[in-house]
Amino acid sequence: AAFISIQAFPALLDLPQELEVSAVSCGSRHTAVVTRGGELYTWGWGKYGQLGHGNNVSSDQARRVEHLVAKGLRVEEVVCGPWTTYIRV
């Protein structure tokens, strides 16, 4: 199982430099960002599938949600709940 660090204080986002972020949302143990290009990246605790990668795997590294790219969907907004992630396309 992946070790997921929990930050109880503000921290810099560790993202690839080429990403231009337009929106950020944090759940209780996961984070999601939307890029200016409309892509969704998520990381953190994935036990309930809230990262959107089609599995329950946790990750400390930001990963693009490929399902949305494959469907040609452009994400406009993201909101994370305690164990959920909602998007507006």
Protein backbone atom coordinates (compact mmCIF):
# COMPACT_ATOMS: atom_id res chain seq x y z
CA ALA A 1 0.00 0.00 0.00
CA ALA A 2 1.21 3.49 -0.83
CA PHE A 3 2.11 5.84 1.99
CA ILE A 4 -0.01 8.98 1.75
CA SER A 5 1.31 11.93 3.69
CA ILE A 6 -1.28 14.06 5.44
CA GLN A 7 -0.59 17.79 5.64
CA ALA A 8 -2.18 19.57 8.58
CA PHE A 9 -0.87 22.92 7.34
CA PRO A 10 -0.62 24.75 3.98
CA ALA A 11 1.90 23.25 1.55
CA LEU A 12 3.11 23.94 -1.96
CA LEU A 13 1.62 21.69 -4.64
CA ASP A 14 4.21 19.38 -6.18
CA LEU A 15 3.17 19.40 -9.85
CA PRO A 16 5.03 19.16 -13.14
CA GLN A 17 6.25 22.65 -14.11
CA GLU A 18 4.50 22.66 -17.49
CA LEU A 19 1.05 22.47 -15.89
CA GLU A 20 -0.84 25.76 -15.67
CA VAL A 21 -3.40 25.28 -12.90
CA SER A 22 -6.74 27.09 -13.05
CA ALA A 23 -8.54 25.45 -10.09
CA VAL A 24 -7.66 23.43 -6.98
CA SER A 25 -9.83 21.55 -4.50
CA CYS A 26 -8.92 19.44 -1.47
CA GLY A 27 -10.90 16.63 0.09
CA SER A 28 -10.17 15.15 3.49
CA ARG A 29 -7.25 13.09 2.11
CA HIS A 30 -7.03 13.84 -1.61
CA THR A 31 -6.42 16.80 -3.90
CA ALA A 32 -7.53 17.62 -7.45
CA VAL A 33 -6.45 20.33 -9.88
CA VAL A 34 -7.82 21.49 -13.21
CA THR A 35 -5.35 22.78 -15.78
CA ARG A 36 -5.97 25.69 -18.14
CA GLY A 37 -6.24 23.05 -20.86
CA GLY A 38 -9.16 21.37 -19.07
CA GLU A 39 -7.34 18.30 -17.78
CA LEU A 40 -7.95 16.89 -14.29
CA TYR A 41 -5.07 15.69 -12.10
CA THR A 42 -5.68 13.95 -8.77
CA TRP A 43 -3.62 12.43 -5.97
CA GLY A 44 -3.89 11.29 -2.37
CA TRP A 45 -6.00 8.61 -0.75
CA GLY A 46 -7.97 6.62 -3.33
CA LYS A 47 -9.72 3.97 -1.21
CA TYR A 48 -13.21 4.89 -2.50
CA GLY A 49 -12.24 5.60 -6.12
CA GLN A 50 -12.37 9.35 -5.54
CA LEU A 51 -9.22 9.92 -7.62
CA GLY A 52 -11.10 8.91 -10.77
CA HIS A 53 -8.51 6.49 -12.13
CA GLY A 54 -10.89 3.51 -12.24
CA ASN A 55 -9.39 1.82 -9.19
CA ASN A 56 -8.92 2.26 -5.43
CA VAL A 57 -5.17 2.92 -5.57
CA SER A 58 -3.70 5.79 -3.55
CA SER A 59 -0.89 7.94 -4.94
CA ASP A 60 1.36 10.71 -3.64
CA GLN A 61 2.05 11.78 -7.23
CA ALA A 62 -0.38 13.86 -9.30
CA ARG A 63 -1.81 11.76 -12.13
CA ARG A 64 -3.97 12.87 -15.05
CA VAL A 65 -7.44 11.30 -15.14
CA GLU A 66 -7.12 9.53 -18.49
CA HIS A 67 -10.79 8.50 -18.74
CA LEU A 68 -11.81 12.14 -19.21
CA VAL A 69 -9.14 12.68 -21.88
CA ALA A 70 -10.26 9.52 -23.73
CA LYS A 71 -13.86 10.80 -23.75
CA GLY A 72 -12.75 14.21 -25.06
CA LEU A 73 -14.12 15.98 -21.98
CA ARG A 74 -12.73 19.33 -20.89
CA VAL A 75 -13.03 19.96 -17.14
CA GLU A 76 -14.08 23.47 -16.12
CA GLU A 77 -14.39 23.10 -12.35
CA VAL A 78 -13.63 20.58 -9.58
CA VAL A 79 -14.95 20.22 -6.04
CA CYS A 80 -13.67 17.57 -3.62
CA GLY A 81 -15.75 16.24 -0.75
CA PRO A 82 -14.51 14.01 2.08
CA TRP A 83 -14.46 10.87 -0.14
CA THR A 84 -15.70 12.19 -3.48
CA THR A 85 -14.64 14.35 -6.41
CA TYR A 86 -17.14 16.25 -8.55
CA ILE A 87 -16.37 17.93 -11.86
CA ARG A 88 -18.17 20.30 -14.19
CA VAL A 89 -17.41 19.83 -17.88
